[in-house]
Structures are given as structure tokens and as C-alpha cells.
């Protein structure tokens, strides 16, 4: 379903607020790090948001979050805190090599450093491998934290991410991606039930791959979310290229698209990067929070 929400039109009521001032649960955070010995002791940082005072009879779904290029586990805090306030467990995964290590300690603005950084295919495939690695170790991770383990339902897992993390989300959902030999390959993980792709991306920048083949393998519903000012920080392409994954993936009752009028690339990450101030930032964040929560409630309940 193609659901386009523009601030100028219906669905957004002028004086309505999406804020949850009386959120049902208090949120706590846990930081940890996993080491993947099969990949030269690759570090995988973890940040978990969870509802501290949840006392329900049923365990709650887990939502993974994958950051964008140059990001970290601290991105999108506004969104994950909101979801945890409403009973979800959020697991943020940091992807070494395509994270803040690209620009930390280097001269110049982070975005300028990131633009000059060559992202190799190995770096990208390592990022994709981080997610199944965490999933493989999820039970062990949660056993370390009984207060989270008693809440988290490992049979109900969603995937999400922003920009490069949105691409990671789509790949986990079954989108094909070129391997080291530039052959389209599946890196899907069938443990995910649904996903949200914030600022979706494709593979058109890597070569001329047929769209009908790239996206045909997506086997779970995805909610693609973007904005009319969601230009690529690297290429400057307009937001229209972010519609390609939605328009070319298989239909599903829970497949959706949200386009927010005036929303830019970084609003989905809760930061500004090199973008100027956006007077509608708070309004856009409220829409993102509300629509994301409604979607997860829809697919998991």
C-alpha cells in the first residue's frame, strides 16, 4: 500500500500532538559489546532500550536498529525511547568500519570526512553480517540481563534502520545485494517478522541491476519512511530515489510508504549532521514516533 502523508493534507490535524507525556513505562538503557571471533575479533557494540516497569503476562517484541554511515548506537534516541516507553525492547547495533570510527579524531566536519571515505564491498558485507551475529548470540546476551530477559520475546523480532541502516534492513528482509564478485546475492535472515526502513536506499549507485530482481526476494512486510527533503547527503539525489524499494518490492497487507512533507534526511536519526535548523523538526519527529509505534502494534498484535 502506498500511503503518502503530507503535512498539508489529511491525517495530520493542525493542533494534534503525538507526544506521550503519560507513557506507560519507564525506560532504562544497557550498553554492551559482543566480539565476533570468526571475523578477526570484530567488535559489535550494543545499546538496549527496555521498559523497566513492565509487568504484563506476555513478553514484548524486540526491534533491531541499524545506524547510517558514520553513525553509532546513540542515533535515533528520540524514536527508540518512545517505543520502549510503550513496551518495546530496542537493540541498537553498531557496525565497526562504517560507524563513527570513519571520522572521529580527523580534521574537518564529519560529513566532509565521510564523503571522502571509500566504503569497500567488504565493509558493507561485514555490516550485514553483524545482524545475524547478534541474533545468533541473542539468548546469551539477554541472559546477562534478567530484567530484560523477562520482558523480551525472542520469537517476535523486527528490523529497522536509517539510511545505510535502512539498506541493511532491506537486505535482512530479502533484498539482493552484490557480493565481492558483483553477483546479486541474498543475505536475508528469516528471523525477522517485519521492518521499518527510514530513508530507504537501493543498489543503483553500484551498477545497473534489474529492479524486478533486486527487490523480488523481500519476504516480510516493510514500512518505507522518507520525506520530501530527504536528499542523499553523498550524491544530492532527491527523495524520489528512496521510493524505488517500496515501488519494486512484493505486495503485502502490511507494506506501507510514508512521505512527510518537508522532512529531511537527518530527522530520522535525531540529529542534524551538516544540515541547517528545521523549524518543523519536532513535528516531524512526533509523526515518525507515532507512525512507527502504530506500525509495530499492527504487525505484532
C-alpha atoms as a PDB file:
ATOM      1  CA  UNK A   1       0.000   0.000   0.000  1.00  0.00           C
ATOM      2  CA  UNK A   2       1.342   3.419  -0.887  1.00  0.00           C
ATOM      3  CA  UNK A   3       0.483   5.763   1.958  1.00  0.00           C
ATOM      4  CA  UNK A   4       1.719   9.288   1.349  1.00  0.00           C
ATOM      5  CA  UNK A   5       1.358  11.631   4.302  1.00  0.00           C
ATOM      6  CA  UNK A   6       1.969  15.303   3.560  1.00  0.00           C
ATOM      7  CA  UNK A   7       1.711  17.813   6.357  1.00  0.00           C
ATOM      8  CA  UNK A   8      -0.542  19.949   4.199  1.00  0.00           C
ATOM      9  CA  UNK A   9      -3.195  17.303   3.865  1.00  0.00           C
ATOM     10  CA  UNK A  10      -5.336  14.910   5.867  1.00  0.00           C
ATOM     11  CA  UNK A  11      -4.175  12.518   8.592  1.00  0.00           C
ATOM     12  CA  UNK A  12      -2.271  15.347  10.277  1.00  0.00           C
ATOM     13  CA  UNK A  13      -4.531  17.542  12.398  1.00  0.00           C
ATOM     14  CA  UNK A  14      -3.076  21.011  12.965  1.00  0.00           C
ATOM     15  CA  UNK A  15      -3.345  21.153  16.763  1.00  0.00           C
ATOM     16  CA  UNK A  16      -2.868  17.458  17.458  1.00  0.00           C
ATOM     17  CA  UNK A  17       0.150  16.215  19.349  1.00  0.00           C
ATOM     18  CA  UNK A  18       1.708  12.778  19.170  1.00  0.00           C
ATOM     19  CA  UNK A  19       3.625  13.217  22.413  1.00  0.00           C
ATOM     20  CA  UNK A  20       3.282  10.551  25.096  1.00  0.00           C
ATOM     21  CA  UNK A  21       3.599  12.663  28.253  1.00  0.00           C
ATOM     22  CA  UNK A  22       1.986   9.889  30.269  1.00  0.00           C
ATOM     23  CA  UNK A  23       3.881   6.997  28.692  1.00  0.00           C
ATOM     24  CA  UNK A  24       3.077   3.736  30.479  1.00  0.00           C
ATOM     25  CA  UNK A  25       6.648   2.573  31.086  1.00  0.00           C
ATOM     26  CA  UNK A  26       9.937   3.967  32.353  1.00  0.00           C
ATOM     27  CA  UNK A  27      12.917   3.364  30.085  1.00  0.00           C
ATOM     28  CA  UNK A  28      16.309   2.015  31.048  1.00  0.00           C
ATOM     29  CA  UNK A  29      19.435   1.603  28.921  1.00  0.00           C
ATOM     30  CA  UNK A  30      22.089  -1.099  28.810  1.00  0.00           C
ATOM     31  CA  UNK A  31      25.356  -0.925  26.850  1.00  0.00           C
ATOM     32  CA  UNK A  32      27.407  -3.974  25.940  1.00  0.00           C
ATOM     33  CA  UNK A  33      29.785  -5.258  23.303  1.00  0.00           C
ATOM     34  CA  UNK A  34      29.967  -8.591  21.533  1.00  0.00           C
ATOM     35  CA  UNK A  35      33.132  -9.914  19.901  1.00  0.00           C
ATOM     36  CA  UNK A  36      32.914 -11.984  16.722  1.00  0.00           C
ATOM     37  CA  UNK A  37      35.922 -14.302  16.874  1.00  0.00           C
ATOM     38  CA  UNK A  38      35.112 -15.679  13.419  1.00  0.00           C
ATOM     39  CA  UNK A  39      35.774 -12.241  11.923  1.00  0.00           C
ATOM     40  CA  UNK A  40      39.123 -11.292  13.464  1.00  0.00           C
ATOM     41  CA  UNK A  41      37.578 -10.395  16.826  1.00  0.00           C
ATOM     42  CA  UNK A  42      35.309  -7.824  15.263  1.00  0.00           C
ATOM     43  CA  UNK A  43      33.692  -5.639  17.953  1.00  0.00           C
ATOM     44  CA  UNK A  44      29.925  -5.187  17.790  1.00  0.00           C
ATOM     45  CA  UNK A  45      28.657  -2.581  20.213  1.00  0.00           C
ATOM     46  CA  UNK A  46      25.116  -2.926  21.538  1.00  0.00           C
ATOM     47  CA  UNK A  47      22.732  -0.467  23.186  1.00  0.00           C
ATOM     48  CA  UNK A  48      19.419  -1.751  24.549  1.00  0.00           C
ATOM     49  CA  UNK A  49      16.359   0.322  25.483  1.00  0.00           C
ATOM     50  CA  UNK A  50      13.746  -1.526  27.506  1.00  0.00           C
ATOM     51  CA  UNK A  51      10.621  -0.816  29.610  1.00  0.00           C
ATOM     52  CA  UNK A  52      11.790  -1.126  33.202  1.00  0.00           C
ATOM     53  CA  UNK A  53       8.454  -1.481  34.965  1.00  0.00           C
ATOM     54  CA  UNK A  54       6.689  -3.812  32.521  1.00  0.00           C
ATOM     55  CA  UNK A  55       4.646  -6.386  34.443  1.00  0.00           C
ATOM     56  CA  UNK A  56       2.461  -7.838  31.680  1.00  0.00           C
ATOM     57  CA  UNK A  57       1.832 -11.551  31.242  1.00  0.00           C
ATOM     58  CA  UNK A  58       3.102 -11.597  27.656  1.00  0.00           C
ATOM     59  CA  UNK A  59       6.651 -10.789  26.668  1.00  0.00           C
ATOM     60  CA  UNK A  60       7.240  -7.855  24.329  1.00  0.00           C
ATOM     61  CA  UNK A  61       8.637  -7.697  20.780  1.00  0.00           C
ATOM     62  CA  UNK A  62      12.269  -6.824  20.055  1.00  0.00           C
ATOM     63  CA  UNK A  63      13.160  -4.215  17.427  1.00  0.00           C
ATOM     64  CA  UNK A  64      16.674  -4.040  15.985  1.00  0.00           C
ATOM     65  CA  UNK A  65      18.091  -0.674  14.867  1.00  0.00           C
ATOM     66  CA  UNK A  66      20.949  -0.216  12.367  1.00  0.00           C
ATOM     67  CA  UNK A  67      22.561   3.233  12.080  1.00  0.00           C
ATOM     68  CA  UNK A  68      23.546   5.153   8.967  1.00  0.00           C
ATOM     69  CA  UNK A  69      27.030   5.716   7.554  1.00  0.00           C
ATOM     70  CA  UNK A  70      29.214   7.340  10.216  1.00  0.00           C
ATOM     71  CA  UNK A  71      26.645   6.752  12.959  1.00  0.00           C
ATOM     72  CA  UNK A  72      26.571   4.820  16.196  1.00  0.00           C
ATOM     73  CA  UNK A  73      24.289   3.066  18.675  1.00  0.00           C
ATOM     74  CA  UNK A  74      23.330   6.502  20.012  1.00  0.00           C
ATOM     75  CA  UNK A  75      21.376   7.519  16.915  1.00  0.00           C
ATOM     76  CA  UNK A  76      17.571   7.842  16.836  1.00  0.00           C
ATOM     77  CA  UNK A  77      17.321   8.025  20.628  1.00  0.00           C
ATOM     78  CA  UNK A  78      14.084  10.026  20.369  1.00  0.00           C
ATOM     79  CA  UNK A  79      12.441   7.170  18.488  1.00  0.00           C
ATOM     80  CA  UNK A  80      13.738   4.196  20.462  1.00  0.00           C
ATOM     81  CA  UNK A  81      12.984   5.816  23.785  1.00  0.00           C
ATOM     82  CA  UNK A  82       9.408   6.396  22.618  1.00  0.00           C
ATOM     83  CA  UNK A  83       8.981   2.784  21.512  1.00  0.00           C
ATOM     84  CA  UNK A  84      10.457   1.485  24.766  1.00  0.00           C
ATOM     85  CA  UNK A  85       8.122   3.774  26.730  1.00  0.00           C
ATOM     86  CA  UNK A  86       5.330   1.926  25.003  1.00  0.00           C
ATOM     87  CA  UNK A  87       6.548  -1.557  25.798  1.00  0.00           C
ATOM     88  CA  UNK A  88       9.095  -2.486  23.112  1.00  0.00           C
ATOM     89  CA  UNK A  89      12.683  -3.674  23.536  1.00  0.00           C
ATOM     90  CA  UNK A  90      15.104  -1.884  21.192  1.00  0.00           C
ATOM     91  CA  UNK A  91      18.519  -3.289  20.310  1.00  0.00           C
ATOM     92  CA  UNK A  92      20.845  -0.836  18.568  1.00  0.00           C
ATOM     93  CA  UNK A  93      23.783  -2.417  16.715  1.00  0.00           C
ATOM     94  CA  UNK A  94      26.966  -0.521  15.835  1.00  0.00           C
ATOM     95  CA  UNK A  95      28.756  -1.505  12.630  1.00  0.00           C
ATOM     96  CA  UNK A  96      32.514  -1.141  13.034  1.00  0.00           C
ATOM     97  CA  UNK A  97      34.138   0.375   9.952  1.00  0.00           C
ATOM     98  CA  UNK A  98      31.038   2.178   8.716  1.00  0.00           C
ATOM     99  CA  UNK A  99      30.382   3.895  12.055  1.00  0.00           C
ATOM    100  CA  UNK A 100      31.826   6.924  13.887  1.00  0.00           C
ATOM    101  CA  UNK A 101      35.326   5.466  13.523  1.00  0.00           C
ATOM    102  CA  UNK A 102      35.276   6.860   9.976  1.00  0.00           C
ATOM    103  CA  UNK A 103      35.501  10.437  11.180  1.00  0.00           C
ATOM    104  CA  UNK A 104      36.365  10.527  14.898  1.00  0.00           C
ATOM    105  CA  UNK A 105      39.685  12.258  15.559  1.00  0.00           C
ATOM    106  CA  UNK A 106      40.025  13.516  11.980  1.00  0.00           C
ATOM    107  CA  UNK A 107      40.160  17.123  10.863  1.00  0.00           C
ATOM    108  CA  UNK A 108      37.147  18.694   9.216  1.00  0.00           C
ATOM    109  CA  UNK A 109      33.426  18.257   9.546  1.00  0.00           C
ATOM    110  CA  UNK A 110      32.365  14.601   9.911  1.00  0.00           C
ATOM    111  CA  UNK A 111      30.205  14.777   6.790  1.00  0.00           C
ATOM    112  CA  UNK A 112      33.142  16.028   4.706  1.00  0.00           C
ATOM    113  CA  UNK A 113      35.325  13.211   6.033  1.00  0.00           C
ATOM    114  CA  UNK A 114      32.585  10.651   5.351  1.00  0.00           C
ATOM    115  CA  UNK A 115      32.137  11.872   1.769  1.00  0.00           C
ATOM    116  CA  UNK A 116      35.847  11.264   1.112  1.00  0.00           C
ATOM    117  CA  UNK A 117      35.844   7.787   2.655  1.00  0.00           C
ATOM    118  CA  UNK A 118      35.816   4.816   0.291  1.00  0.00           C
ATOM    119  CA  UNK A 119      33.358   2.197   1.514  1.00  0.00           C
ATOM    120  CA  UNK A 120      34.537  -1.159   0.215  1.00  0.00           C
ATOM    121  CA  UNK A 121      32.265  -4.098  -0.500  1.00  0.00           C
ATOM    122  CA  UNK A 122      33.837  -5.994   2.407  1.00  0.00           C
ATOM    123  CA  UNK A 123      32.920  -3.185   4.803  1.00  0.00           C
ATOM    124  CA  UNK A 124      29.321  -3.320   3.640  1.00  0.00           C
ATOM    125  CA  UNK A 125      29.068  -7.104   3.832  1.00  0.00           C
ATOM    126  CA  UNK A 126      30.582  -7.023   7.329  1.00  0.00           C
ATOM    127  CA  UNK A 127      27.812  -4.642   8.322  1.00  0.00           C
ATOM    128  CA  UNK A 128      25.196  -7.057   7.020  1.00  0.00           C
ATOM    129  CA  UNK A 129      26.842  -9.936   8.905  1.00  0.00           C
ATOM    130  CA  UNK A 130      26.642  -8.027  12.204  1.00  0.00           C
ATOM    131  CA  UNK A 131      22.890  -8.510  12.441  1.00  0.00           C
ATOM    132  CA  UNK A 132      22.758 -12.333  12.173  1.00  0.00           C
ATOM    133  CA  UNK A 133      25.741 -12.458  14.545  1.00  0.00           C
ATOM    134  CA  UNK A 134      23.805 -10.569  17.214  1.00  0.00           C
ATOM    135  CA  UNK A 135      20.744 -12.717  16.576  1.00  0.00           C
ATOM    136  CA  UNK A 136      22.827 -15.873  16.986  1.00  0.00           C
ATOM    137  CA  UNK A 137      24.014 -14.595  20.349  1.00  0.00           C
ATOM    138  CA  UNK A 138      20.754 -13.019  21.458  1.00  0.00           C
ATOM    139  CA  UNK A 139      19.785 -15.621  24.051  1.00  0.00           C
ATOM    140  CA  UNK A 140      23.208 -15.431  25.676  1.00  0.00           C
ATOM    141  CA  UNK A 141      23.128 -11.640  25.634  1.00  0.00           C
ATOM    142  CA  UNK A 142      19.712 -11.448  27.267  1.00  0.00           C
ATOM    143  CA  UNK A 143      20.623 -13.999  29.917  1.00  0.00           C
ATOM    144  CA  UNK A 144      23.173 -11.488  31.213  1.00  0.00           C
ATOM    145  CA  UNK A 145      20.330  -9.077  31.956  1.00  0.00           C
ATOM    146  CA  UNK A 146      17.414 -10.839  33.708  1.00  0.00           C
ATOM    147  CA  UNK A 147      15.395  -7.618  33.829  1.00  0.00           C
ATOM    148  CA  UNK A 148      15.431  -7.510  30.003  1.00  0.00           C
ATOM    149  CA  UNK A 149      15.166 -11.259  29.519  1.00  0.00           C
ATOM    150  CA  UNK A 150      11.875 -11.391  31.397  1.00  0.00           C
ATOM    151  CA  UNK A 151      10.429  -8.774  29.032  1.00  0.00           C
ATOM    152  CA  UNK A 152      11.894  -9.611  25.610  1.00  0.00           C
ATOM    153  CA  UNK A 153      10.157 -12.046  23.252  1.00  0.00           C
ATOM    154  CA  UNK A 154      12.790 -13.625  21.011  1.00  0.00           C
ATOM    155  CA  UNK A 155      10.047 -15.053  18.792  1.00  0.00           C
ATOM    156  CA  UNK A 156       8.825 -11.577  17.821  1.00  0.00           C
ATOM    157  CA  UNK A 157      11.652  -9.621  16.229  1.00  0.00           C
ATOM    158  CA  UNK A 158      11.514  -6.629  13.894  1.00  0.00           C
ATOM    159  CA  UNK A 159      14.297  -4.942  11.927  1.00  0.00           C
ATOM    160  CA  UNK A 160      14.798  -1.239  11.305  1.00  0.00           C
ATOM    161  CA  UNK A 161      17.436   1.307  10.401  1.00  0.00           C
ATOM    162  CA  UNK A 162      18.250   4.674   8.877  1.00  0.00           C
ATOM    163  CA  UNK A 163      19.926   5.312   5.500  1.00  0.00           C
ATOM    164  CA  UNK A 164      22.741   2.710   5.321  1.00  0.00           C
ATOM    165  CA  UNK A 165      20.805   1.053   8.148  1.00  0.00           C
ATOM    166  CA  UNK A 166      17.665   1.169   6.014  1.00  0.00           C
ATOM    167  CA  UNK A 167      19.555  -0.661   3.286  1.00  0.00           C
ATOM    168  CA  UNK A 168      20.696  -3.144   5.931  1.00  0.00           C
ATOM    169  CA  UNK A 169      17.060  -3.595   6.947  1.00  0.00           C
ATOM    170  CA  UNK A 170      16.003  -4.275   3.358  1.00  0.00           C
ATOM    171  CA  UNK A 171      18.828  -6.778   2.887  1.00  0.00           C
ATOM    172  CA  UNK A 172      17.806  -8.623   6.047  1.00  0.00           C
ATOM    173  CA  UNK A 173      14.282  -8.691   4.584  1.00  0.00           C
ATOM    174  CA  UNK A 174      15.463 -10.386   1.382  1.00  0.00           C
ATOM    175  CA  UNK A 175      16.606  -7.623  -0.949  1.00  0.00           C
ATOM    176  CA  UNK A 176      19.505  -8.884  -3.080  1.00  0.00           C
ATOM    177  CA  UNK A 177      22.875  -7.174  -2.830  1.00  0.00           C
ATOM    178  CA  UNK A 178      26.013  -7.603  -4.977  1.00  0.00           C
ATOM    179  CA  UNK A 179      28.714  -9.738  -3.332  1.00  0.00           C
ATOM    180  CA  UNK A 180      32.507  -9.425  -3.688  1.00  0.00           C
ATOM    181  CA  UNK A 181      32.198 -10.555  -7.317  1.00  0.00           C
ATOM    182  CA  UNK A 182      29.338  -8.136  -8.007  1.00  0.00           C
ATOM    183  CA  UNK A 183      26.860 -11.021  -8.215  1.00  0.00           C
ATOM    184  CA  UNK A 184      23.445 -10.366  -6.693  1.00  0.00           C
ATOM    185  CA  UNK A 185      23.223 -12.429  -3.508  1.00  0.00           C
ATOM    186  CA  UNK A 186      20.728 -12.924  -0.704  1.00  0.00           C
ATOM    187  CA  UNK A 187      21.797 -12.157   2.869  1.00  0.00           C
ATOM    188  CA  UNK A 188      18.262 -12.425   4.260  1.00  0.00           C
ATOM    189  CA  UNK A 189      17.569 -13.515   7.814  1.00  0.00           C
ATOM    190  CA  UNK A 190      14.190 -15.198   8.260  1.00  0.00           C
ATOM    191  CA  UNK A 191      14.057 -14.494  11.985  1.00  0.00           C
ATOM    192  CA  UNK A 192      12.579 -11.055  11.306  1.00  0.00           C
ATOM    193  CA  UNK A 193       8.802 -10.665  11.070  1.00  0.00           C
ATOM    194  CA  UNK A 194       8.628  -7.113   9.682  1.00  0.00           C
ATOM    195  CA  UNK A 195      10.749  -3.999   9.274  1.00  0.00           C
ATOM    196  CA  UNK A 196      10.822  -0.219   9.009  1.00  0.00           C
ATOM    197  CA  UNK A 197      13.216   1.366   6.533  1.00  0.00           C
ATOM    198  CA  UNK A 198      13.867   5.059   7.343  1.00  0.00           C
ATOM    199  CA  UNK A 199      15.334   6.868   4.303  1.00  0.00           C
ATOM    200  CA  UNK A 200      15.395   3.739   2.097  1.00  0.00           C
ATOM    201  CA  UNK A 201      18.252   3.016  -0.269  1.00  0.00           C
ATOM    202  CA  UNK A 202      18.945   0.834  -3.258  1.00  0.00           C
ATOM    203  CA  UNK A 203      21.847  -0.509  -5.314  1.00  0.00           C
ATOM    204  CA  UNK A 204      21.574   1.763  -8.346  1.00  0.00           C
ATOM    205  CA  UNK A 205      24.812   3.509  -7.303  1.00  0.00           C
ATOM    206  CA  UNK A 206      26.678   0.178  -7.561  1.00  0.00           C
ATOM    207  CA  UNK A 207      25.640  -0.819 -11.083  1.00  0.00           C
ATOM    208  CA  UNK A 208      22.746  -1.463 -13.417  1.00  0.00           C
ATOM    209  CA  UNK A 209      20.922  -4.285 -11.677  1.00  0.00           C
ATOM    210  CA  UNK A 210      17.324  -5.109 -12.699  1.00  0.00           C
ATOM    211  CA  UNK A 211      14.910  -3.733 -10.107  1.00  0.00           C
ATOM    212  CA  UNK A 212      12.488  -6.611 -10.619  1.00  0.00           C
ATOM    213  CA  UNK A 213      15.253  -8.968  -9.461  1.00  0.00           C
ATOM    214  CA  UNK A 214      16.832  -6.893  -6.683  1.00  0.00           C
ATOM    215  CA  UNK A 215      13.649  -6.476  -4.633  1.00  0.00           C
ATOM    216  CA  UNK A 216      11.672  -9.580  -5.574  1.00  0.00           C
ATOM    217  CA  UNK A 217      13.063 -11.627  -2.692  1.00  0.00           C
ATOM    218  CA  UNK A 218      11.789  -9.343   0.071  1.00  0.00           C
ATOM    219  CA  UNK A 219       9.672 -11.785   2.050  1.00  0.00           C
ATOM    220  CA  UNK A 220       8.499  -9.718   5.030  1.00  0.00           C
ATOM    221  CA  UNK A 221       6.414  -6.535   5.117  1.00  0.00           C
ATOM    222  CA  UNK A 222       8.365  -3.278   5.157  1.00  0.00           C
ATOM    223  CA  UNK A 223       7.266   0.226   6.061  1.00  0.00           C
ATOM    224  CA  UNK A 224       9.347   2.659   3.999  1.00  0.00           C
ATOM    225  CA  UNK A 225       9.526   6.141   5.518  1.00  0.00           C
ATOM    226  CA  UNK A 226      11.025   9.236   3.883  1.00  0.00           C
ATOM    227  CA  UNK A 227      10.441  12.978   3.406  1.00  0.00           C
ATOM    228  CA  UNK A 228      10.265  15.409   0.506  1.00  0.00           C
ATOM    229  CA  UNK A 229      13.605  16.948   1.582  1.00  0.00           C
ATOM    230  CA  UNK A 230      15.260  13.557   2.139  1.00  0.00           C
ATOM    231  CA  UNK A 231      18.113  14.134  -0.292  1.00  0.00           C
ATOM    232  CA  UNK A 232      21.180  11.934  -0.284  1.00  0.00           C
ATOM    233  CA  UNK A 233      23.991  13.573   1.752  1.00  0.00           C
ATOM    234  CA  UNK A 234      26.513  11.918  -0.588  1.00  0.00           C
ATOM    235  CA  UNK A 235      25.070  12.256  -4.100  1.00  0.00           C
ATOM    236  CA  UNK A 236      22.491  15.007  -3.626  1.00  0.00           C
ATOM    237  CA  UNK A 237      19.774  12.881  -5.282  1.00  0.00           C
ATOM    238  CA  UNK A 238      16.216  13.887  -4.433  1.00  0.00           C
ATOM    239  CA  UNK A 239      13.905  11.840  -2.268  1.00  0.00           C
ATOM    240  CA  UNK A 240      12.342  10.167  -5.325  1.00  0.00           C
ATOM    241  CA  UNK A 241      15.118   7.551  -5.414  1.00  0.00           C
ATOM    242  CA  UNK A 242      14.033   6.449  -1.924  1.00  0.00           C
ATOM    243  CA  UNK A 243      10.685   5.304  -3.342  1.00  0.00           C
ATOM    244  CA  UNK A 244      12.304   2.628  -5.534  1.00  0.00           C
ATOM    245  CA  UNK A 245      12.460  -0.120  -2.849  1.00  0.00           C
ATOM    246  CA  UNK A 246       8.787   0.303  -1.985  1.00  0.00           C
ATOM    247  CA  UNK A 247       7.610   0.504  -5.582  1.00  0.00           C
ATOM    248  CA  UNK A 248       9.506  -2.623  -6.636  1.00  0.00           C
ATOM    249  CA  UNK A 249       9.041  -4.939  -3.650  1.00  0.00           C
ATOM    250  CA  UNK A 250       6.279  -7.564  -3.453  1.00  0.00           C
ATOM    251  CA  UNK A 251       2.854  -6.504  -2.240  1.00  0.00           C
ATOM    252  CA  UNK A 252       1.842  -7.341   1.303  1.00  0.00           C
ATOM    253  CA  UNK A 253      -1.061  -6.197   3.514  1.00  0.00           C
ATOM    254  CA  UNK A 254       1.462  -4.539   5.854  1.00  0.00           C
ATOM    255  CA  UNK A 255       3.649  -2.997   3.152  1.00  0.00           C
ATOM    256  CA  UNK A 256       3.475   0.784   3.528  1.00  0.00           C
ATOM    257  CA  UNK A 257       5.081   4.051   2.475  1.00  0.00           C
ATOM    258  CA  UNK A 258       5.115   7.335   4.365  1.00  0.00           C
ATOM    259  CA  UNK A 259       6.364  10.575   2.769  1.00  0.00           C
ATOM    260  CA  UNK A 260       6.458  13.518   5.180  1.00  0.00           C
ATOM    261  CA  UNK A 261       6.293  16.943   3.585  1.00  0.00           C
ATOM    262  CA  UNK A 262       9.464  18.896   4.423  1.00  0.00           C
ATOM    263  CA  UNK A 263      11.193  16.113   6.365  1.00  0.00           C
ATOM    264  CA  UNK A 264      14.913  15.842   5.607  1.00  0.00           C
ATOM    265  CA  UNK A 265      17.464  13.057   5.803  1.00  0.00           C
ATOM    266  CA  UNK A 266      18.739  13.513   9.327  1.00  0.00           C
ATOM    267  CA  UNK A 267      15.421  13.940  11.128  1.00  0.00           C
ATOM    268  CA  UNK A 268      15.017  10.161  11.136  1.00  0.00           C
ATOM    269  CA  UNK A 269      18.332   9.830  13.006  1.00  0.00           C
ATOM    270  CA  UNK A 270      17.541  12.508  15.588  1.00  0.00           C
ATOM    271  CA  UNK A 271      20.499  14.702  14.602  1.00  0.00           C
ATOM    272  CA  UNK A 272      21.360  17.389  12.066  1.00  0.00           C
ATOM    273  CA  UNK A 273      24.745  16.487  10.590  1.00  0.00           C
ATOM    274  CA  UNK A 274      25.614  19.415   8.341  1.00  0.00           C
ATOM    275  CA  UNK A 275      22.011  20.399   7.688  1.00  0.00           C
ATOM    276  CA  UNK A 276      20.633  23.683   8.956  1.00  0.00           C
ATOM    277  CA  UNK A 277      17.869  24.044  11.510  1.00  0.00           C
ATOM    278  CA  UNK A 278      14.436  22.738  10.515  1.00  0.00           C
ATOM    279  CA  UNK A 279      11.547  24.611  12.116  1.00  0.00           C
ATOM    280  CA  UNK A 280       9.336  21.533  11.749  1.00  0.00           C
ATOM    281  CA  UNK A 281      11.812  19.088  13.257  1.00  0.00           C
ATOM    282  CA  UNK A 282       9.779  18.433  16.402  1.00  0.00           C
ATOM    283  CA  UNK A 283       6.597  17.985  14.396  1.00  0.00           C
ATOM    284  CA  UNK A 284       8.341  15.547  12.058  1.00  0.00           C
ATOM    285  CA  UNK A 285       9.774  13.577  14.965  1.00  0.00           C
ATOM    286  CA  UNK A 286       6.315  13.283  16.517  1.00  0.00           C
ATOM    287  CA  UNK A 287       4.941  11.907  13.250  1.00  0.00           C
ATOM    288  CA  UNK A 288       7.803   9.434  12.952  1.00  0.00           C
ATOM    289  CA  UNK A 289       7.296   8.212  16.517  1.00  0.00           C
ATOM    290  CA  UNK A 290       3.551   7.903  16.167  1.00  0.00           C
ATOM    291  CA  UNK A 291       3.609   6.114  12.809  1.00  0.00           C
ATOM    292  CA  UNK A 292       6.395   3.733  13.849  1.00  0.00           C
ATOM    293  CA  UNK A 293       4.588   2.741  17.051  1.00  0.00           C
ATOM    294  CA  UNK A 294       1.318   2.251  15.183  1.00  0.00           C
ATOM    295  CA  UNK A 295       3.047   0.037  12.635  1.00  0.00           C
ATOM    296  CA  UNK A 296       4.752  -2.198  15.179  1.00  0.00           C
ATOM    297  CA  UNK A 297       1.493  -2.503  17.099  1.00  0.00           C
ATOM    298  CA  UNK A 298      -0.225  -3.501  13.861  1.00  0.00           C
ATOM    299  CA  UNK A 299       2.215  -6.239  12.839  1.00  0.00           C
ATOM    300  CA  UNK A 300       2.805  -7.700  16.294  1.00  0.00           C
ATOM    301  CA  UNK A 301      -0.714  -7.577  17.756  1.00  0.00           C
END
